[in-house]
Amino acid sequence: CLALVLGSLEHRFAHTEPMPVVLDDVLVHFDDERSLAALEALAEFAKTTQVLLFTHHGRIRDQALGLDPTRGVFIHRLPR
């Protein structure tokens, strides 16, 4: 489902001005391998538009922290 969303947005943004993409806990049911692949795909997608991914899962945050820092991934932790 995430691949379809990204594909349709990529097609749409090819013809219009890109706008931010906001995702809320879309990786919650992914295993570690799939969530890491999805994070890498989102980092690549973020080269053309702003991607905001919200999660309360520490493992997703840890995986994002493990991505190559040159990918432009930034982690911001909200206070409780």
PDB file of N, CA and C in Angstrom:
ATOM      1  N   CYS A   1       0.830  -1.190   0.000  1.00  0.00           N
ATOM      2  CA  CYS A   1       0.000   0.000   0.000  1.00  0.00           C
ATOM      3  C   CYS A   1       0.883   1.266   0.000  1.00  0.00           C
ATOM      4  N   LEU A   2       1.950   1.267   0.812  1.00  0.00           N
ATOM      5  CA  LEU A   2       2.845   2.423   0.855  1.00  0.00           C
ATOM      6  C   LEU A   2       3.489   2.659  -0.508  1.00  0.00           C
ATOM      7  N   ALA A   3       3.855   1.580  -1.191  1.00  0.00           N
ATOM      8  CA  ALA A   3       4.449   1.708  -2.523  1.00  0.00           C
ATOM      9  C   ALA A   3       3.470   2.361  -3.498  1.00  0.00           C
ATOM     10  N   LEU A   4       2.197   2.015  -3.400  1.00  0.00           N
ATOM     11  CA  LEU A   4       1.187   2.623  -4.268  1.00  0.00           C
ATOM     12  C   LEU A   4       1.028   4.110  -3.976  1.00  0.00           C
ATOM     13  N   VAL A   5       1.028   4.455  -2.715  1.00  0.00           N
ATOM     14  CA  VAL A   5       0.912   5.872  -2.328  1.00  0.00           C
ATOM     15  C   VAL A   5       2.100   6.662  -2.860  1.00  0.00           C
ATOM     16  N   LEU A   6       3.303   6.156  -2.636  1.00  0.00           N
ATOM     17  CA  LEU A   6       4.497   6.861  -3.106  1.00  0.00           C
ATOM     18  C   LEU A   6       4.527   6.943  -4.631  1.00  0.00           C
ATOM     19  N   GLY A   7       4.134   5.867  -5.288  1.00  0.00           N
ATOM     20  CA  GLY A   7       4.098   5.868  -6.750  1.00  0.00           C
ATOM     21  C   GLY A   7       3.112   6.885  -7.302  1.00  0.00           C
ATOM     22  N   SER A   8       1.927   6.947  -6.716  1.00  0.00           N
ATOM     23  CA  SER A   8       0.930   7.902  -7.195  1.00  0.00           C
ATOM     24  C   SER A   8       1.354   9.340  -6.901  1.00  0.00           C
ATOM     25  N   LEU A   9       1.971   9.569  -5.753  1.00  0.00           N
ATOM     26  CA  LEU A   9       2.459  10.913  -5.435  1.00  0.00           C
ATOM     27  C   LEU A   9       3.607  11.309  -6.364  1.00  0.00           C
ATOM     28  N   GLU A  10       4.491  10.373  -6.653  1.00  0.00           N
ATOM     29  CA  GLU A  10       5.596  10.652  -7.571  1.00  0.00           C
ATOM     30  C   GLU A  10       5.057  11.039  -8.949  1.00  0.00           C
ATOM     31  N   HIS A  11       4.047  10.321  -9.409  1.00  0.00           N
ATOM     32  CA  HIS A  11       3.422  10.643 -10.696  1.00  0.00           C
ATOM     33  C   HIS A  11       2.771  12.027 -10.652  1.00  0.00           C
ATOM     34  N   ARG A  12       2.049  12.306  -9.582  1.00  0.00           N
ATOM     35  CA  ARG A  12       1.366  13.598  -9.445  1.00  0.00           C
ATOM     36  C   ARG A  12       2.375  14.747  -9.363  1.00  0.00           C
ATOM     37  N   PHE A  13       3.447  14.557  -8.587  1.00  0.00           N
ATOM     38  CA  PHE A  13       4.433  15.619  -8.413  1.00  0.00           C
ATOM     39  C   PHE A  13       5.248  15.867  -9.679  1.00  0.00           C
ATOM     40  N   ALA A  14       5.225  14.931 -10.603  1.00  0.00           N
ATOM     41  CA  ALA A  14       5.909  15.141 -11.880  1.00  0.00           C
ATOM     42  C   ALA A  14       5.181  16.195 -12.710  1.00  0.00           C
ATOM     43  N   HIS A  15       3.888  16.433 -12.378  1.00  0.00           N
ATOM     44  CA  HIS A  15       3.074  17.367 -13.154  1.00  0.00           C
ATOM     45  C   HIS A  15       2.636  18.593 -12.360  1.00  0.00           C
ATOM     46  N   THR A  16       2.911  18.615 -11.067  1.00  0.00           N
ATOM     47  CA  THR A  16       2.532  19.751 -10.224  1.00  0.00           C
ATOM     48  C   THR A  16       3.656  20.046  -9.236  1.00  0.00           C
ATOM     49  N   GLU A  17       3.516  21.107  -8.522  1.00  0.00           N
ATOM     50  CA  GLU A  17       4.480  21.469  -7.481  1.00  0.00           C
ATOM     51  C   GLU A  17       4.380  20.472  -6.328  1.00  0.00           C
ATOM     52  N   PRO A  18       5.501  19.861  -5.916  1.00  0.00           N
ATOM     53  CA  PRO A  18       5.444  18.912  -4.790  1.00  0.00           C
ATOM     54  C   PRO A  18       4.998  19.589  -3.503  1.00  0.00           C
ATOM     55  N   MET A  19       4.300  18.849  -2.684  1.00  0.00           N
ATOM     56  CA  MET A  19       3.898  19.357  -1.378  1.00  0.00           C
ATOM     57  C   MET A  19       4.332  18.352  -0.321  1.00  0.00           C
ATOM     58  N   PRO A  20       4.400  18.759   0.927  1.00  0.00           N
ATOM     59  CA  PRO A  20       4.859  17.841   1.974  1.00  0.00           C
ATOM     60  C   PRO A  20       3.976  16.600   2.078  1.00  0.00           C
ATOM     61  N   VAL A  21       4.600  15.504   2.444  1.00  0.00           N
ATOM     62  CA  VAL A  21       3.899  14.240   2.659  1.00  0.00           C
ATOM     63  C   VAL A  21       3.987  13.941   4.146  1.00  0.00           C
ATOM     64  N   VAL A  22       2.838  13.755   4.776  1.00  0.00           N
ATOM     65  CA  VAL A  22       2.784  13.476   6.214  1.00  0.00           C
ATOM     66  C   VAL A  22       2.280  12.045   6.404  1.00  0.00           C
ATOM     67  N   LEU A  23       3.080  11.246   7.101  1.00  0.00           N
ATOM     68  CA  LEU A  23       2.752   9.842   7.341  1.00  0.00           C
ATOM     69  C   LEU A  23       2.749   9.586   8.843  1.00  0.00           C
ATOM     70  N   ASP A  24       1.713   8.912   9.323  1.00  0.00           N
ATOM     71  CA  ASP A  24       1.591   8.641  10.752  1.00  0.00           C
ATOM     72  C   ASP A  24       1.590   7.140  11.005  1.00  0.00           C
ATOM     73  N   ASP A  25       2.671   6.642  11.573  1.00  0.00           N
ATOM     74  CA  ASP A  25       2.820   5.232  11.957  1.00  0.00           C
ATOM     75  C   ASP A  25       2.506   4.240  10.840  1.00  0.00           C
ATOM     76  N   VAL A  26       2.937   4.558   9.624  1.00  0.00           N
ATOM     77  CA  VAL A  26       2.670   3.672   8.484  1.00  0.00           C
ATOM     78  C   VAL A  26       3.519   2.412   8.510  1.00  0.00           C
ATOM     79  N   LEU A  27       4.558   2.376   9.332  1.00  0.00           N
ATOM     80  CA  LEU A  27       5.445   1.222   9.373  1.00  0.00           C
ATOM     81  C   LEU A  27       5.187   0.318  10.577  1.00  0.00           C
ATOM     82  N   VAL A  28       4.132   0.571  11.300  1.00  0.00           N
ATOM     83  CA  VAL A  28       3.879  -0.112  12.565  1.00  0.00           C
ATOM     84  C   VAL A  28       3.761  -1.635  12.410  1.00  0.00           C
ATOM     85  N   HIS A  29       3.246  -2.119  11.298  1.00  0.00           N
ATOM     86  CA  HIS A  29       3.063  -3.561  11.113  1.00  0.00           C
ATOM     87  C   HIS A  29       4.147  -4.189  10.240  1.00  0.00           C
ATOM     88  N   PHE A  30       5.190  -3.408   9.914  1.00  0.00           N
ATOM     89  CA  PHE A  30       6.294  -3.925   9.102  1.00  0.00           C
ATOM     90  C   PHE A  30       7.305  -4.626  10.004  1.00  0.00           C
ATOM     91  N   ASP A  31       7.893  -5.718   9.509  1.00  0.00           N
ATOM     92  CA  ASP A  31       9.001  -6.311  10.247  1.00  0.00           C
ATOM     93  C   ASP A  31      10.246  -5.437  10.024  1.00  0.00           C
ATOM     94  N   ASP A  32      11.342  -5.769  10.699  1.00  0.00           N
ATOM     95  CA  ASP A  32      12.538  -4.926  10.646  1.00  0.00           C
ATOM     96  C   ASP A  32      13.076  -4.743   9.229  1.00  0.00           C
ATOM     97  N   GLU A  33      13.094  -5.818   8.471  1.00  0.00           N
ATOM     98  CA  GLU A  33      13.632  -5.748   7.109  1.00  0.00           C
ATOM     99  C   GLU A  33      12.788  -4.830   6.221  1.00  0.00           C
ATOM    100  N   ARG A  34      11.491  -4.973   6.318  1.00  0.00           N
ATOM    101  CA  ARG A  34      10.593  -4.139   5.489  1.00  0.00           C
ATOM    102  C   ARG A  34      10.578  -2.691   5.951  1.00  0.00           C
ATOM    103  N   SER A  35      10.608  -2.461   7.252  1.00  0.00           N
ATOM    104  CA  SER A  35      10.599  -1.070   7.719  1.00  0.00           C
ATOM    105  C   SER A  35      11.882  -0.355   7.322  1.00  0.00           C
ATOM    106  N   LEU A  36      13.019  -1.052   7.367  1.00  0.00           N
ATOM    107  CA  LEU A  36      14.265  -0.436   6.931  1.00  0.00           C
ATOM    108  C   LEU A  36      14.224  -0.123   5.440  1.00  0.00           C
ATOM    109  N   ALA A  37      13.705  -1.039   4.641  1.00  0.00           N
ATOM    110  CA  ALA A  37      13.571  -0.793   3.197  1.00  0.00           C
ATOM    111  C   ALA A  37      12.635   0.383   2.937  1.00  0.00           C
ATOM    112  N   ALA A  38      11.553   0.471   3.704  1.00  0.00           N
ATOM    113  CA  ALA A  38      10.614   1.576   3.543  1.00  0.00           C
ATOM    114  C   ALA A  38      11.255   2.906   3.943  1.00  0.00           C
ATOM    115  N   LEU A  39      12.026   2.908   5.026  1.00  0.00           N
ATOM    116  CA  LEU A  39      12.720   4.133   5.438  1.00  0.00           C
ATOM    117  C   LEU A  39      13.705   4.593   4.367  1.00  0.00           C
ATOM    118  N   GLU A  40      14.400   3.651   3.751  1.00  0.00           N
ATOM    119  CA  GLU A  40      15.327   4.006   2.679  1.00  0.00           C
ATOM    120  C   GLU A  40      14.572   4.576   1.483  1.00  0.00           C
ATOM    121  N   ALA A  41      13.426   3.992   1.160  1.00  0.00           N
ATOM    122  CA  ALA A  41      12.596   4.509   0.060  1.00  0.00           C
ATOM    123  C   ALA A  41      12.074   5.899   0.388  1.00  0.00           C
ATOM    124  N   LEU A  42      11.676   6.124   1.631  1.00  0.00           N
ATOM    125  CA  LEU A  42      11.191   7.442   2.038  1.00  0.00           C
ATOM    126  C   LEU A  42      12.312   8.477   2.004  1.00  0.00           C
ATOM    127  N   ALA A  43      13.512   8.079   2.386  1.00  0.00           N
ATOM    128  CA  ALA A  43      14.660   8.989   2.314  1.00  0.00           C
ATOM    129  C   ALA A  43      14.932   9.376   0.861  1.00  0.00           C
ATOM    130  N   GLU A  44      14.816   8.427  -0.031  1.00  0.00           N
ATOM    131  CA  GLU A  44      15.001   8.712  -1.464  1.00  0.00           C
ATOM    132  C   GLU A  44      13.885   9.626  -1.966  1.00  0.00           C
ATOM    133  N   PHE A  45      12.657   9.357  -1.570  1.00  0.00           N
ATOM    134  CA  PHE A  45      11.505  10.177  -1.957  1.00  0.00           C
ATOM    135  C   PHE A  45      11.660  11.605  -1.450  1.00  0.00           C
ATOM    136  N   ALA A  46      12.294  11.752  -0.278  1.00  0.00           N
ATOM    137  CA  ALA A  46      12.471  13.066   0.345  1.00  0.00           C
ATOM    138  C   ALA A  46      13.453  13.958  -0.413  1.00  0.00           C
ATOM    139  N   LYS A  47      14.115  13.415  -1.415  1.00  0.00           N
ATOM    140  CA  LYS A  47      14.997  14.258  -2.229  1.00  0.00           C
ATOM    141  C   LYS A  47      14.206  15.246  -3.070  1.00  0.00           C
ATOM    142  N   THR A  48      12.928  14.952  -3.311  1.00  0.00           N
ATOM    143  CA  THR A  48      12.109  15.823  -4.154  1.00  0.00           C
ATOM    144  C   THR A  48      10.980  16.510  -3.406  1.00  0.00           C
ATOM    145  N   THR A  49      10.679  16.072  -2.208  1.00  0.00           N
ATOM    146  CA  THR A  49       9.629  16.706  -1.414  1.00  0.00           C
ATOM    147  C   THR A  49       9.870  16.429   0.066  1.00  0.00           C
ATOM    148  N   GLN A  50       9.293  17.213   0.905  1.00  0.00           N
ATOM    149  CA  GLN A  50       9.461  17.028   2.345  1.00  0.00           C
ATOM    150  C   GLN A  50       8.600  15.861   2.813  1.00  0.00           C
ATOM    151  N   VAL A  51       9.202  14.967   3.575  1.00  0.00           N
ATOM    152  CA  VAL A  51       8.489  13.822   4.137  1.00  0.00           C
ATOM    153  C   VAL A  51       8.549  13.915   5.654  1.00  0.00           C
ATOM    154  N   LEU A  52       7.391  13.886   6.288  1.00  0.00           N
ATOM    155  CA  LEU A  52       7.301  13.885   7.745  1.00  0.00           C
ATOM    156  C   LEU A  52       6.704  12.551   8.169  1.00  0.00           C
ATOM    157  N   LEU A  53       7.477  11.786   8.906  1.00  0.00           N
ATOM    158  CA  LEU A  53       7.034  10.469   9.377  1.00  0.00           C
ATOM    159  C   LEU A  53       6.928  10.519  10.892  1.00  0.00           C
ATOM    160  N   PHE A  54       5.728  10.324  11.394  1.00  0.00           N
ATOM    161  CA  PHE A  54       5.496  10.301  12.834  1.00  0.00           C
ATOM    162  C   PHE A  54       5.382   8.860  13.298  1.00  0.00           C
ATOM    163  N   THR A  55       6.029   8.548  14.419  1.00  0.00           N
ATOM    164  CA  THR A  55       5.912   7.224  15.019  1.00  0.00           C
ATOM    165  C   THR A  55       6.200   7.326  16.515  1.00  0.00           C
ATOM    166  N   HIS A  56       5.654   6.399  17.243  1.00  0.00           N
ATOM    167  CA  HIS A  56       5.989   6.308  18.668  1.00  0.00           C
ATOM    168  C   HIS A  56       6.771   5.022  18.940  1.00  0.00           C
ATOM    169  N   HIS A  57       7.221   4.375  17.888  1.00  0.00           N
ATOM    170  CA  HIS A  57       7.970   3.128  18.011  1.00  0.00           C
ATOM    171  C   HIS A  57       9.467   3.395  17.983  1.00  0.00           C
ATOM    172  N   GLY A  58      10.122   3.023  19.060  1.00  0.00           N
ATOM    173  CA  GLY A  58      11.557   3.246  19.182  1.00  0.00           C
ATOM    174  C   GLY A  58      12.373   2.511  18.132  1.00  0.00           C
ATOM    175  N   ARG A  59      11.927   1.331  17.712  1.00  0.00           N
ATOM    176  CA  ARG A  59      12.707   0.583  16.722  1.00  0.00           C
ATOM    177  C   ARG A  59      12.712   1.291  15.372  1.00  0.00           C
ATOM    178  N   ILE A  60      11.625   1.966  15.025  1.00  0.00           N
ATOM    179  CA  ILE A  60      11.581   2.720  13.759  1.00  0.00           C
ATOM    180  C   ILE A  60      12.540   3.901  13.857  1.00  0.00           C
ATOM    181  N   ARG A  61      12.518   4.594  14.996  1.00  0.00           N
ATOM    182  CA  ARG A  61      13.446   5.704  15.208  1.00  0.00           C
ATOM    183  C   ARG A  61      14.895   5.216  15.131  1.00  0.00           C
ATOM    184  N   ASP A  62      15.181   4.099  15.790  1.00  0.00           N
ATOM    185  CA  ASP A  62      16.542   3.558  15.773  1.00  0.00           C
ATOM    186  C   ASP A  62      16.981   3.182  14.365  1.00  0.00           C
ATOM    187  N   GLN A  63      16.079   2.619  13.583  1.00  0.00           N
ATOM    188  CA  GLN A  63      16.420   2.280  12.200  1.00  0.00           C
ATOM    189  C   GLN A  63      16.692   3.549  11.388  1.00  0.00           C
ATOM    190  N   ALA A  64      15.890   4.575  11.599  1.00  0.00           N
ATOM    191  CA  ALA A  64      16.097   5.841  10.882  1.00  0.00           C
ATOM    192  C   ALA A  64      17.432   6.462  11.280  1.00  0.00           C
ATOM    193  N   LEU A  65      17.775   6.363  12.559  1.00  0.00           N
ATOM    194  CA  LEU A  65      19.065   6.870  13.017  1.00  0.00           C
ATOM    195  C   LEU A  65      20.227   6.114  12.381  1.00  0.00           C
ATOM    196  N   GLY A  66      20.001   4.853  12.021  1.00  0.00           N
ATOM    197  CA  GLY A  66      21.036   4.034  11.424  1.00  0.00           C
ATOM    198  C   GLY A  66      21.259   4.295   9.940  1.00  0.00           C
ATOM    199  N   LEU A  67      20.382   5.083   9.316  1.00  0.00           N
ATOM    200  CA  LEU A  67      20.568   5.409   7.899  1.00  0.00           C
ATOM    201  C   LEU A  67      21.780   6.311   7.729  1.00  0.00           C
ATOM    202  N   ASP A  68      22.361   6.274   6.571  1.00  0.00           N
ATOM    203  CA  ASP A  68      23.502   7.120   6.235  1.00  0.00           C
ATOM    204  C   ASP A  68      23.142   8.586   6.490  1.00  0.00           C
ATOM    205  N   PRO A  69      23.917   9.310   7.290  1.00  0.00           N
ATOM    206  CA  PRO A  69      23.598  10.703   7.622  1.00  0.00           C
ATOM    207  C   PRO A  69      23.526  11.616   6.396  1.00  0.00           C
ATOM    208  N   THR A  70      24.163  11.236   5.335  1.00  0.00           N
ATOM    209  CA  THR A  70      24.107  12.085   4.130  1.00  0.00           C
ATOM    210  C   THR A  70      22.768  11.954   3.411  1.00  0.00           C
ATOM    211  N   ARG A  71      21.894  11.075   3.876  1.00  0.00           N
ATOM    212  CA  ARG A  71      20.579  10.897   3.253  1.00  0.00           C
ATOM    213  C   ARG A  71      19.624  12.030   3.600  1.00  0.00           C
ATOM    214  N   GLY A  72      19.999  12.877   4.553  1.00  0.00           N
ATOM    215  CA  GLY A  72      19.144  14.002   4.910  1.00  0.00           C
ATOM    216  C   GLY A  72      18.012  13.632   5.854  1.00  0.00           C
ATOM    217  N   VAL A  73      18.230  12.598   6.654  1.00  0.00           N
ATOM    218  CA  VAL A  73      17.212  12.171   7.613  1.00  0.00           C
ATOM    219  C   VAL A  73      17.472  12.883   8.934  1.00  0.00           C
ATOM    220  N   PHE A  74      16.434  13.514   9.460  1.00  0.00           N
ATOM    221  CA  PHE A  74      16.533  14.217  10.733  1.00  0.00           C
ATOM    222  C   PHE A  74      15.510  13.638  11.692  1.00  0.00           C
ATOM    223  N   ILE A  75      15.933  13.418  12.912  1.00  0.00           N
ATOM    224  CA  ILE A  75      15.049  12.868  13.948  1.00  0.00           C
ATOM    225  C   ILE A  75      14.763  13.972  14.963  1.00  0.00           C
ATOM    226  N   HIS A  76      13.496  14.164  15.243  1.00  0.00           N
ATOM    227  CA  HIS A  76      13.112  15.124  16.269  1.00  0.00           C
ATOM    228  C   HIS A  76      12.192  14.398  17.239  1.00  0.00           C
ATOM    229  N   ARG A  77      12.581  14.379  18.482  1.00  0.00           N
ATOM    230  CA  ARG A  77      11.777  13.704  19.504  1.00  0.00           C
ATOM    231  C   ARG A  77      10.914  14.729  20.212  1.00  0.00           C
ATOM    232  N   LEU A  78       9.620  14.510  20.217  1.00  0.00           N
ATOM    233  CA  LEU A  78       8.686  15.419  20.883  1.00  0.00           C
ATOM    234  C   LEU A  78       8.653  15.097  22.365  1.00  0.00           C
ATOM    235  N   PRO A  79       8.553  16.114  23.209  1.00  0.00           N
ATOM    236  CA  PRO A  79       8.473  15.860  24.653  1.00  0.00           C
ATOM    237  C   PRO A  79       7.153  15.179  24.994  1.00  0.00           C
ATOM    238  N   ARG A  80       7.204  14.407  26.055  1.00  0.00           N
ATOM    239  CA  ARG A  80       5.977  13.707  26.498  1.00  0.00           C
ATOM    240  C   ARG A  80       5.089  14.595  27.281  1.00  0.00           C
TER     241      ARG A  80
END
